[in-house]
C-alpha atoms as a PDB file:
ATOM      1  CA  MET A   1      -9.664 -30.970 -30.796  1.00  0.00           C
ATOM      2  CA  LEU A   2      -8.324 -32.779 -27.733  1.00  0.00           C
ATOM      3  CA  LEU A   3      -8.799 -29.860 -25.354  1.00  0.00           C
ATOM      4  CA  LYS A   4     -12.596 -29.895 -25.091  1.00  0.00           C
ATOM      5  CA  PRO A   5     -13.008 -33.482 -23.800  1.00  0.00           C
ATOM      6  CA  VAL A   6     -10.265 -32.910 -21.237  1.00  0.00           C
ATOM      7  CA  LEU A   7     -11.606 -29.649 -19.805  1.00  0.00           C
ATOM      8  CA  PRO A   8     -14.365 -31.256 -17.681  1.00  0.00           C
ATOM      9  CA  LEU A   9     -11.790 -33.628 -16.190  1.00  0.00           C
ATOM     10  CA  LEU A  10      -9.568 -30.709 -15.207  1.00  0.00           C
ATOM     11  CA  PHE A  11     -12.503 -28.943 -13.592  1.00  0.00           C
ATOM     12  CA  VAL A  12     -13.368 -32.066 -11.612  1.00  0.00           C
ATOM     13  CA  LEU A  13      -9.776 -32.473 -10.486  1.00  0.00           C
ATOM     14  CA  CYS A  14      -9.867 -28.893  -9.219  1.00  0.00           C
ATOM     15  CA  ALA A  15     -12.977 -29.841  -7.216  1.00  0.00           C
ATOM     16  CA  SER A  16     -13.857 -32.442  -4.631  1.00  0.00           C
ATOM     17  CA  ALA A  17     -11.948 -35.289  -3.009  1.00  0.00           C
ATOM     18  CA  SER A  18     -12.358 -36.513   0.561  1.00  0.00           C
ATOM     19  CA  ILE A  19      -9.376 -35.756   2.810  1.00  0.00           C
ATOM     20  CA  GLN A  20      -8.231 -36.213   6.389  1.00  0.00           C
ATOM     21  CA  ALA A  21      -7.372 -33.305   8.680  1.00  0.00           C
ATOM     22  CA  GLU A  22      -3.762 -32.073   8.723  1.00  0.00           C
ATOM     23  CA  PRO A  23      -2.359 -30.981  12.082  1.00  0.00           C
ATOM     24  CA  LEU A  24      -0.833 -27.673  10.938  1.00  0.00           C
ATOM     25  CA  HIS A  25      -3.123 -25.156   9.214  1.00  0.00           C
ATOM     26  CA  TYR A  26      -2.186 -21.483   9.040  1.00  0.00           C
ATOM     27  CA  ALA A  27      -4.775 -18.900  10.022  1.00  0.00           C
ATOM     28  CA  GLN A  28      -4.831 -15.321  11.274  1.00  0.00           C
ATOM     29  CA  GLY A  29      -2.019 -14.890  13.803  1.00  0.00           C
ATOM     30  CA  SER A  30       0.062 -17.788  12.489  1.00  0.00           C
ATOM     31  CA  VAL A  31       3.670 -17.148  11.500  1.00  0.00           C
ATOM     32  CA  ILE A  32       4.986 -18.811   8.367  1.00  0.00           C
ATOM     33  CA  ALA A  33       7.765 -21.281   9.147  1.00  0.00           C
ATOM     34  CA  PRO A  34      11.278 -20.032   8.340  1.00  0.00           C
ATOM     35  CA  GLU A  35      11.858 -23.343   6.542  1.00  0.00           C
ATOM     36  CA  ALA A  36       9.051 -22.751   4.017  1.00  0.00           C
ATOM     37  CA  VAL A  37      10.512 -22.420   0.533  1.00  0.00           C
ATOM     38  CA  VAL A  38       9.395 -21.850  -3.037  1.00  0.00           C
ATOM     39  CA  SER A  39      11.431 -21.872  -6.257  1.00  0.00           C
ATOM     40  CA  ASP A  40      12.597 -19.105  -8.546  1.00  0.00           C
ATOM     41  CA  SER A  41      12.507 -19.316 -12.340  1.00  0.00           C
ATOM     42  CA  ALA A  42      15.804 -21.251 -12.355  1.00  0.00           C
ATOM     43  CA  GLY A  43      14.310 -23.894 -10.041  1.00  0.00           C
ATOM     44  CA  SER A  44      16.424 -22.819  -7.063  1.00  0.00           C
ATOM     45  CA  ALA A  45      14.923 -22.799  -3.563  1.00  0.00           C
ATOM     46  CA  VAL A  46      14.017 -19.391  -2.127  1.00  0.00           C
ATOM     47  CA  SER A  47      12.843 -18.779   1.429  1.00  0.00           C
ATOM     48  CA  LEU A  48       9.273 -17.508   1.483  1.00  0.00           C
ATOM     49  CA  ARG A  49      10.039 -15.529   4.636  1.00  0.00           C
ATOM     50  CA  THR A  50      13.009 -13.902   2.872  1.00  0.00           C
ATOM     51  CA  LEU A  51      10.779 -12.860  -0.019  1.00  0.00           C
ATOM     52  CA  LEU A  52       8.369 -11.231   2.416  1.00  0.00           C
ATOM     53  CA  ALA A  53      11.092  -9.560   4.482  1.00  0.00           C
ATOM     54  CA  GLN A  54      12.820  -7.971   1.502  1.00  0.00           C
ATOM     55  CA  GLN A  55       9.651  -6.220   0.394  1.00  0.00           C
ATOM     56  CA  ASP A  56       9.851  -3.596   3.182  1.00  0.00           C
ATOM     57  CA  SER A  57       6.126  -2.911   2.996  1.00  0.00           C
ATOM     58  CA  LYS A  58       3.268  -2.464   5.423  1.00  0.00           C
ATOM     59  CA  VAL A  59       1.394  -5.502   4.121  1.00  0.00           C
ATOM     60  CA  ASN A  60       2.167  -8.245   1.614  1.00  0.00           C
ATOM     61  CA  VAL A  61      -0.446  -9.948  -0.525  1.00  0.00           C
ATOM     62  CA  LEU A  62       0.533 -13.573  -1.095  1.00  0.00           C
ATOM     63  CA  PHE A  63      -1.386 -15.155  -3.979  1.00  0.00           C
ATOM     64  CA  VAL A  64      -1.169 -18.955  -4.156  1.00  0.00           C
ATOM     65  CA  PHE A  65      -2.660 -20.266  -7.377  1.00  0.00           C
ATOM     66  CA  GLY A  66      -2.729 -23.085  -9.890  1.00  0.00           C
ATOM     67  CA  GLY A  67       0.058 -22.214 -12.306  1.00  0.00           C
ATOM     68  CA  GLY A  68       1.254 -23.122 -15.760  1.00  0.00           C
ATOM     69  CA  ASP A  69      -0.502 -25.741 -17.887  1.00  0.00           C
ATOM     70  CA  LEU A  70       2.757 -27.274 -19.215  1.00  0.00           C
ATOM     71  CA  GLY A  71       1.903 -25.847 -22.633  1.00  0.00           C
ATOM     72  CA  PHE A  72      -1.372 -27.758 -22.870  1.00  0.00           C
ATOM     73  CA  GLY A  73      -3.480 -24.793 -24.008  1.00  0.00           C
ATOM     74  CA  MET A  74      -5.714 -23.950 -21.051  1.00  0.00           C
ATOM     75  CA  PRO A  75      -7.203 -20.435 -20.691  1.00  0.00           C
ATOM     76  CA  GLY A  76      -4.535 -17.956 -19.649  1.00  0.00           C
ATOM     77  CA  HIS A  77      -1.900 -20.738 -19.745  1.00  0.00           C
ATOM     78  CA  LEU A  78      -3.023 -21.837 -16.260  1.00  0.00           C
ATOM     79  CA  TRP A  79      -4.081 -25.393 -15.427  1.00  0.00           C
ATOM     80  CA  CYS A  80      -6.642 -24.332 -12.779  1.00  0.00           C
ATOM     81  CA  PRO A  81      -9.627 -22.398 -14.176  1.00  0.00           C
ATOM     82  CA  ASP A  82     -10.591 -21.109 -10.712  1.00  0.00           C
ATOM     83  CA  SER A  83      -7.133 -19.575 -10.379  1.00  0.00           C
ATOM     84  CA  PHE A  84      -7.466 -18.053 -13.829  1.00  0.00           C
ATOM     85  CA  GLU A  85     -10.680 -16.340 -12.700  1.00  0.00           C
ATOM     86  CA  ASP A  86      -9.000 -14.948  -9.566  1.00  0.00           C
ATOM     87  CA  THR A  87      -6.130 -13.402 -11.521  1.00  0.00           C
ATOM     88  CA  SER A  88      -8.574 -10.577 -12.264  1.00  0.00           C
ATOM     89  CA  ILE A  89      -8.679  -9.865  -8.513  1.00  0.00           C
ATOM     90  CA  LEU A  90      -4.876  -9.927  -8.362  1.00  0.00           C
ATOM     91  CA  ARG A  91      -4.543  -7.530 -11.302  1.00  0.00           C
ATOM     92  CA  THR A  92      -7.015  -5.119  -9.709  1.00  0.00           C
ATOM     93  CA  LEU A  93      -5.247  -5.247  -6.342  1.00  0.00           C
ATOM     94  CA  VAL A  94      -1.874  -4.584  -7.961  1.00  0.00           C
ATOM     95  CA  GLY A  95      -3.331  -1.712  -9.949  1.00  0.00           C
ATOM     96  CA  LYS A  96      -4.739  -0.083  -6.814  1.00  0.00           C
ATOM     97  CA  TYR A  97      -2.074  -0.774  -4.186  1.00  0.00           C
ATOM     98  CA  ALA A  98       1.307  -1.240  -5.873  1.00  0.00           C
ATOM     99  CA  GLY A  99       3.704   1.378  -4.503  1.00  0.00           C
ATOM    100  CA  LYS A 100       1.261   2.362  -1.762  1.00  0.00           C
ATOM    101  CA  GLY A 101       2.514   0.291   1.152  1.00  0.00           C
ATOM    102  CA  VAL A 102       1.486  -3.076  -0.278  1.00  0.00           C
ATOM    103  CA  ASP A 103       3.731  -5.579  -2.026  1.00  0.00           C
ATOM    104  CA  PHE A 104       2.820  -8.775  -3.798  1.00  0.00           C
ATOM    105  CA  VAL A 105       4.193 -12.304  -4.018  1.00  0.00           C
ATOM    106  CA  ALA A 106       2.590 -14.783  -6.413  1.00  0.00           C
ATOM    107  CA  VAL A 107       3.341 -18.507  -6.060  1.00  0.00           C
ATOM    108  CA  ALA A 108       2.301 -20.878  -8.835  1.00  0.00           C
ATOM    109  CA  SER A 109       1.357 -24.394  -7.733  1.00  0.00           C
ATOM    110  CA  ALA A 110       2.169 -27.284 -10.057  1.00  0.00           C
ATOM    111  CA  PRO A 111      -0.545 -29.712 -11.290  1.00  0.00           C
ATOM    112  CA  VAL A 112       0.825 -32.482  -9.106  1.00  0.00           C
ATOM    113  CA  TYR A 113      -2.253 -34.735  -9.048  1.00  0.00           C
ATOM    114  CA  HIS A 114      -3.041 -34.717 -12.762  1.00  0.00           C
ATOM    115  CA  SER A 115       0.193 -34.024 -14.614  1.00  0.00           C
ATOM    116  CA  GLN A 116      -0.648 -36.927 -16.931  1.00  0.00           C
ATOM    117  CA  VAL A 117      -3.605 -34.939 -18.292  1.00  0.00           C
ATOM    118  CA  MET A 118      -1.054 -32.349 -19.430  1.00  0.00           C
ATOM    119  CA  LYS A 119       0.948 -35.071 -21.241  1.00  0.00           C
ATOM    120  CA  ALA A 120       3.607 -35.300 -18.506  1.00  0.00           C
ATOM    121  CA  PRO A 121       4.253 -38.481 -16.497  1.00  0.00           C
ATOM    122  CA  ALA A 122       1.677 -39.172 -13.796  1.00  0.00           C
ATOM    123  CA  ARG A 123       2.631 -37.765 -10.361  1.00  0.00           C
ATOM    124  CA  VAL A 124       5.972 -36.611 -11.746  1.00  0.00           C
ATOM    125  CA  PHE A 125       6.059 -33.633  -9.367  1.00  0.00           C
ATOM    126  CA  LEU A 126       5.271 -35.825  -6.344  1.00  0.00           C
ATOM    127  CA  ASP A 127       7.119 -39.079  -6.892  1.00  0.00           C
ATOM    128  CA  GLU A 128      10.204 -38.341  -8.980  1.00  0.00           C
ATOM    129  CA  PRO A 129      13.479 -37.210  -7.372  1.00  0.00           C
ATOM    130  CA  ALA A 130      14.270 -33.554  -7.963  1.00  0.00           C
ATOM    131  CA  ASP A 131      17.314 -34.437 -10.070  1.00  0.00           C
ATOM    132  CA  SER A 132      15.535 -36.899 -12.357  1.00  0.00           C
ATOM    133  CA  ASP A 133      15.171 -36.121 -16.062  1.00  0.00           C
ATOM    134  CA  ALA A 134      11.383 -36.498 -15.827  1.00  0.00           C
ATOM    135  CA  PHE A 135      11.075 -34.017 -12.953  1.00  0.00           C
ATOM    136  CA  LEU A 136      13.406 -31.498 -14.567  1.00  0.00           C
ATOM    137  CA  ALA A 137      11.543 -31.651 -17.879  1.00  0.00           C
ATOM    138  CA  ALA A 138       8.127 -31.250 -16.242  1.00  0.00           C
ATOM    139  CA  SER A 139       9.390 -28.401 -14.052  1.00  0.00           C
ATOM    140  CA  LYS A 140      10.780 -26.590 -17.097  1.00  0.00           C
ATOM    141  CA  ALA A 141       7.445 -26.900 -18.906  1.00  0.00           C
ATOM    142  CA  PHE A 142       5.582 -25.721 -15.802  1.00  0.00           C
ATOM    143  CA  ILE A 143       7.804 -22.686 -15.260  1.00  0.00           C
ATOM    144  CA  GLU A 144       7.760 -21.678 -18.925  1.00  0.00           C
ATOM    145  CA  SER A 145       3.975 -21.974 -19.227  1.00  0.00           C
ATOM    146  CA  THR A 146       3.485 -19.932 -16.046  1.00  0.00           C
ATOM    147  CA  GLN A 147       5.813 -17.288 -17.444  1.00  0.00           C
ATOM    148  CA  ALA A 148       3.669 -17.251 -20.593  1.00  0.00           C
ATOM    149  CA  ALA A 149       0.773 -16.109 -18.394  1.00  0.00           C
ATOM    150  CA  ARG A 150       2.996 -13.291 -17.172  1.00  0.00           C
ATOM    151  CA  THR A 151       4.018 -12.355 -20.732  1.00  0.00           C
ATOM    152  CA  ASP A 152       0.376 -12.226 -21.822  1.00  0.00           C
ATOM    153  CA  GLY A 153      -0.606  -9.999 -18.882  1.00  0.00           C
ATOM    154  CA  ILE A 154      -2.700 -12.614 -17.088  1.00  0.00           C
ATOM    155  CA  LEU A 155      -0.276 -12.345 -14.173  1.00  0.00           C
ATOM    156  CA  PRO A 156       0.689  -8.756 -13.289  1.00  0.00           C
ATOM    157  CA  LEU A 157       4.001  -9.697 -11.630  1.00  0.00           C
ATOM    158  CA  ASP A 158       6.775 -12.263 -11.973  1.00  0.00           C
ATOM    159  CA  PRO A 159       5.755 -15.461 -10.162  1.00  0.00           C
ATOM    160  CA  TYR A 160       7.587 -17.897  -7.944  1.00  0.00           C
ATOM    161  CA  PHE A 161       6.906 -21.606  -8.133  1.00  0.00           C
ATOM    162  CA  ASP A 162       5.806 -24.421  -5.819  1.00  0.00           C
ATOM    163  CA  LEU A 163       7.057 -27.335  -7.896  1.00  0.00           C
ATOM    164  CA  ARG A 164       6.235 -29.938  -5.226  1.00  0.00           C
ATOM    165  CA  PHE A 165       2.934 -28.372  -4.078  1.00  0.00           C
ATOM    166  CA  ALA A 166       4.449 -28.101  -0.610  1.00  0.00           C
ATOM    167  CA  LEU A 167       2.427 -25.095   0.571  1.00  0.00           C
ATOM    168  CA  MET A 168      -0.949 -26.715  -0.093  1.00  0.00           C
ATOM    169  CA  LEU A 169       0.028 -30.384   0.053  1.00  0.00           C
ATOM    170  CA  ASN A 170      -2.927 -32.749   0.321  1.00  0.00           C
ATOM    171  CA  ARG A 171      -2.091 -35.185   3.123  1.00  0.00           C
ATOM    172  CA  SER A 172      -4.878 -37.635   2.359  1.00  0.00           C
ATOM    173  CA  GLU A 173      -3.454 -41.118   2.649  1.00  0.00           C
ATOM    174  CA  ASN A 174      -4.055 -41.894  -1.021  1.00  0.00           C
ATOM    175  CA  GLN A 175      -2.504 -38.589  -2.161  1.00  0.00           C
ATOM    176  CA  LEU A 176       0.773 -38.629  -0.226  1.00  0.00           C
ATOM    177  CA  PRO A 177       3.994 -38.202  -2.236  1.00  0.00           C
ATOM    178  CA  GLY A 178       6.317 -41.057  -3.092  1.00  0.00           C
ATOM    179  CA  ALA A 179       9.848 -41.670  -1.866  1.00  0.00           C
ATOM    180  CA  GLY A 180      11.325 -39.294  -4.442  1.00  0.00           C
ATOM    181  CA  TYR A 181       9.599 -36.368  -2.759  1.00  0.00           C
ATOM    182  CA  GLY A 182      11.833 -36.526   0.291  1.00  0.00           C
ATOM    183  CA  GLU A 183      10.928 -36.127   3.941  1.00  0.00           C
ATOM    184  CA  LEU A 184       7.700 -34.328   4.799  1.00  0.00           C
ATOM    185  CA  ALA A 185       8.041 -31.255   7.013  1.00  0.00           C
ATOM    186  CA  ASP A 186       5.455 -29.805   9.396  1.00  0.00           C
ATOM    187  CA  TRP A 187       4.895 -26.803   7.115  1.00  0.00           C
ATOM    188  CA  HIS A 188       4.037 -28.975   4.114  1.00  0.00           C
ATOM    189  CA  GLY A 189       0.328 -28.401   3.600  1.00  0.00           C
ATOM    190  CA  ALA A 190       0.083 -25.699   6.275  1.00  0.00           C
ATOM    191  CA  PHE A 191      -1.534 -23.273   3.817  1.00  0.00           C
ATOM    192  CA  ARG A 192      -4.322 -25.771   3.290  1.00  0.00           C
ATOM    193  CA  ALA A 193      -7.582 -25.224   5.181  1.00  0.00           C
ATOM    194  CA  ALA A 194      -8.410 -27.885   7.765  1.00  0.00           C
ATOM    195  CA  HIS A 195     -11.814 -28.420   6.177  1.00  0.00           C
ATOM    196  CA  GLU A 196     -10.596 -28.396   2.551  1.00  0.00           C
ATOM    197  CA  THR A 197     -12.259 -31.073   0.412  1.00  0.00           C
ATOM    198  CA  GLN A 198     -10.613 -30.264  -2.920  1.00  0.00           C
ATOM    199  CA  PHE A 199      -7.527 -31.984  -4.273  1.00  0.00           C
ATOM    200  CA  TYR A 200      -5.711 -28.659  -4.421  1.00  0.00           C
ATOM    201  CA  GLY A 201      -7.592 -25.890  -2.596  1.00  0.00           C
ATOM    202  CA  VAL A 202      -6.185 -23.127  -4.825  1.00  0.00           C
ATOM    203  CA  PRO A 203      -6.534 -20.203  -5.395  1.00  0.00           C
ATOM    204  CA  GLY A 204      -6.083 -18.172  -2.220  1.00  0.00           C
ATOM    205  CA  PHE A 205      -5.005 -14.726  -1.027  1.00  0.00           C
ATOM    206  CA  TRP A 206      -3.044 -14.180   2.186  1.00  0.00           C
ATOM    207  CA  LEU A 207      -2.330 -10.839   3.869  1.00  0.00           C
ATOM    208  CA  VAL A 208       1.064 -11.217   5.532  1.00  0.00           C
ATOM    209  CA  SER A 209       3.530  -8.974   7.348  1.00  0.00           C
ATOM    210  CA  ASP A 210       7.172  -8.630   6.349  1.00  0.00           C
ATOM    211  CA  ALA A 211       7.980 -10.878   9.323  1.00  0.00           C
ATOM    212  CA  GLY A 212       5.721 -13.656   8.011  1.00  0.00           C
ATOM    213  CA  GLU A 213       2.754 -13.131  10.351  1.00  0.00           C
ATOM    214  CA  ILE A 214      -0.640 -13.768   8.779  1.00  0.00           C
ATOM    215  CA  LEU A 215      -2.599 -10.589   9.476  1.00  0.00           C
ATOM    216  CA  ALA A 216      -6.130 -11.652   8.518  1.00  0.00           C
ATOM    217  CA  GLU A 217      -8.079 -14.805   7.889  1.00  0.00           C
ATOM    218  CA  PRO A 218      -7.030 -16.071   4.463  1.00  0.00           C
ATOM    219  CA  PHE A 219      -9.286 -15.625   1.473  1.00  0.00           C
ATOM    220  CA  ARG A 220      -9.572 -19.012  -0.200  1.00  0.00           C
ATOM    221  CA  GLY A 221     -11.923 -21.592  -1.590  1.00  0.00           C
ATOM    222  CA  ASN A 222     -13.456 -19.814  -4.588  1.00  0.00           C
ATOM    223  CA  VAL A 223     -14.943 -22.355  -6.995  1.00  0.00           C
ATOM    224  CA  TYR A 224     -16.207 -20.892 -10.266  1.00  0.00           C
ATOM    225  CA  HIS A 225     -16.193 -24.112 -12.313  1.00  0.00           C
ATOM    226  CA  PRO A 226     -17.515 -26.917 -10.096  1.00  0.00           C
ATOM    227  CA  HIS A 227     -18.387 -29.721 -12.559  1.00  0.00           C
ATOM    228  CA  GLY A 228     -19.761 -32.077  -9.940  1.00  0.00           C
ATOM    229  CA  ALA A 229     -19.354 -29.862  -6.884  1.00  0.00           C
ATOM    230  CA  GLU A 230     -21.028 -26.498  -6.276  1.00  0.00           C
ATOM    231  CA  VAL A 231     -20.166 -22.952  -7.215  1.00  0.00           C
ATOM    232  CA  ASN A 232     -18.689 -21.424  -4.069  1.00  0.00           C
ATOM    233  CA  ILE A 233     -17.606 -17.770  -4.006  1.00  0.00           C
ATOM    234  CA  ASN A 234     -16.154 -17.074  -0.567  1.00  0.00           C
ATOM    235  CA  TYR A 235     -14.605 -13.695  -1.364  1.00  0.00           C
ATOM    236  CA  THR A 236     -14.453 -10.981  -3.994  1.00  0.00           C
ATOM    237  CA  PHE A 237     -12.099  -8.106  -4.710  1.00  0.00           C
ATOM    238  CA  SER A 238     -14.189  -5.921  -2.376  1.00  0.00           C
ATOM    239  CA  ASP A 239     -13.592  -8.260   0.569  1.00  0.00           C
ATOM    240  CA  ILE A 240      -9.811  -8.255   0.136  1.00  0.00           C
ATOM    241  CA  ASP A 241      -9.804  -4.530  -0.579  1.00  0.00           C
ATOM    242  CA  ALA A 242     -11.670  -3.824   2.672  1.00  0.00           C
ATOM    243  CA  ALA A 243      -9.295  -5.984   4.718  1.00  0.00           C
ATOM    244  CA  LEU A 244      -6.242  -4.337   3.140  1.00  0.00           C
ATOM    245  CA  SER A 245      -7.605  -0.860   3.745  1.00  0.00           C
ATOM    246  CA  ALA A 246      -8.336  -1.661   7.391  1.00  0.00           C
ATOM    247  CA  LEU A 247      -4.825  -3.031   7.948  1.00  0.00           C
ATOM    248  CA  LEU A 248      -3.192  -0.011   6.315  1.00  0.00           C
ATOM    249  CA  ASP A 249      -5.360   2.408   8.309  1.00  0.00           C
ATOM    250  CA  ALA A 250      -4.553   0.608  11.570  1.00  0.00           C
ATOM    251  CA  GLN A 251      -0.827   0.732  10.905  1.00  0.00           C
ATOM    252  CA  ASP A 252      -0.986   4.422  10.076  1.00  0.00           C
ATOM    253  CA  LEU A 253      -2.832   5.083  13.347  1.00  0.00           C
ATOM    254  CA  ASN A 254      -0.224   3.147  15.323  1.00  0.00           C
ATOM    255  CA  LYS A 255       2.503   5.349  13.896  1.00  0.00           C
ATOM    256  CA  ASN A 256       0.761   8.571  14.977  1.00  0.00           C
END
């Protein structure tokens, strides 16, 4: 089978790579840029702020994760095994809080730095123009494989898509996109931690208001499958649960 020899490589690509600091890094108190966009299942741009605003909730949980494996056959149809592990946290949060003042937005990040491992052209999501046949074919495979995770119950809600990895873009000099990517904006990579040493830095959970304000320090950086790095569990369901409960309690008190 081809899958077994490739798995260690995927784990390594989810792990370490030296990077330079990026000037804009969201943290508690930051407000997501109005220009920040993701894609819907048709590949059309959707404002992230609009998605948050239309929820009409007390708190939104934004889950940014490594999405579909382009049909390659990874566990749960997801290219990032660390993200696959954290879907259990997402499912538990949805089960506890859905309909109780908390809404959820899940954004699947494309495998931009190792698409060739998934039998797509190398760097197709980063270097190809958005209207090229190669980009459109890879995007279709990515969206469909992410939706397979939804169909199988790995994802508890319909996802949106970050086809260009804009939210978590790695601005290391040797990882920057090609000309086909278009102009870089300040918000590209703003969801990435300043100290992040991984190629991707997914998965992560963000607690965000309907107006786009980040209400707590983000929960990110869990590494379950290091393969050359170290296991690093920065948060669990209990940590996110406690932060959510505190935010909901504080908002209820402010209304009284």
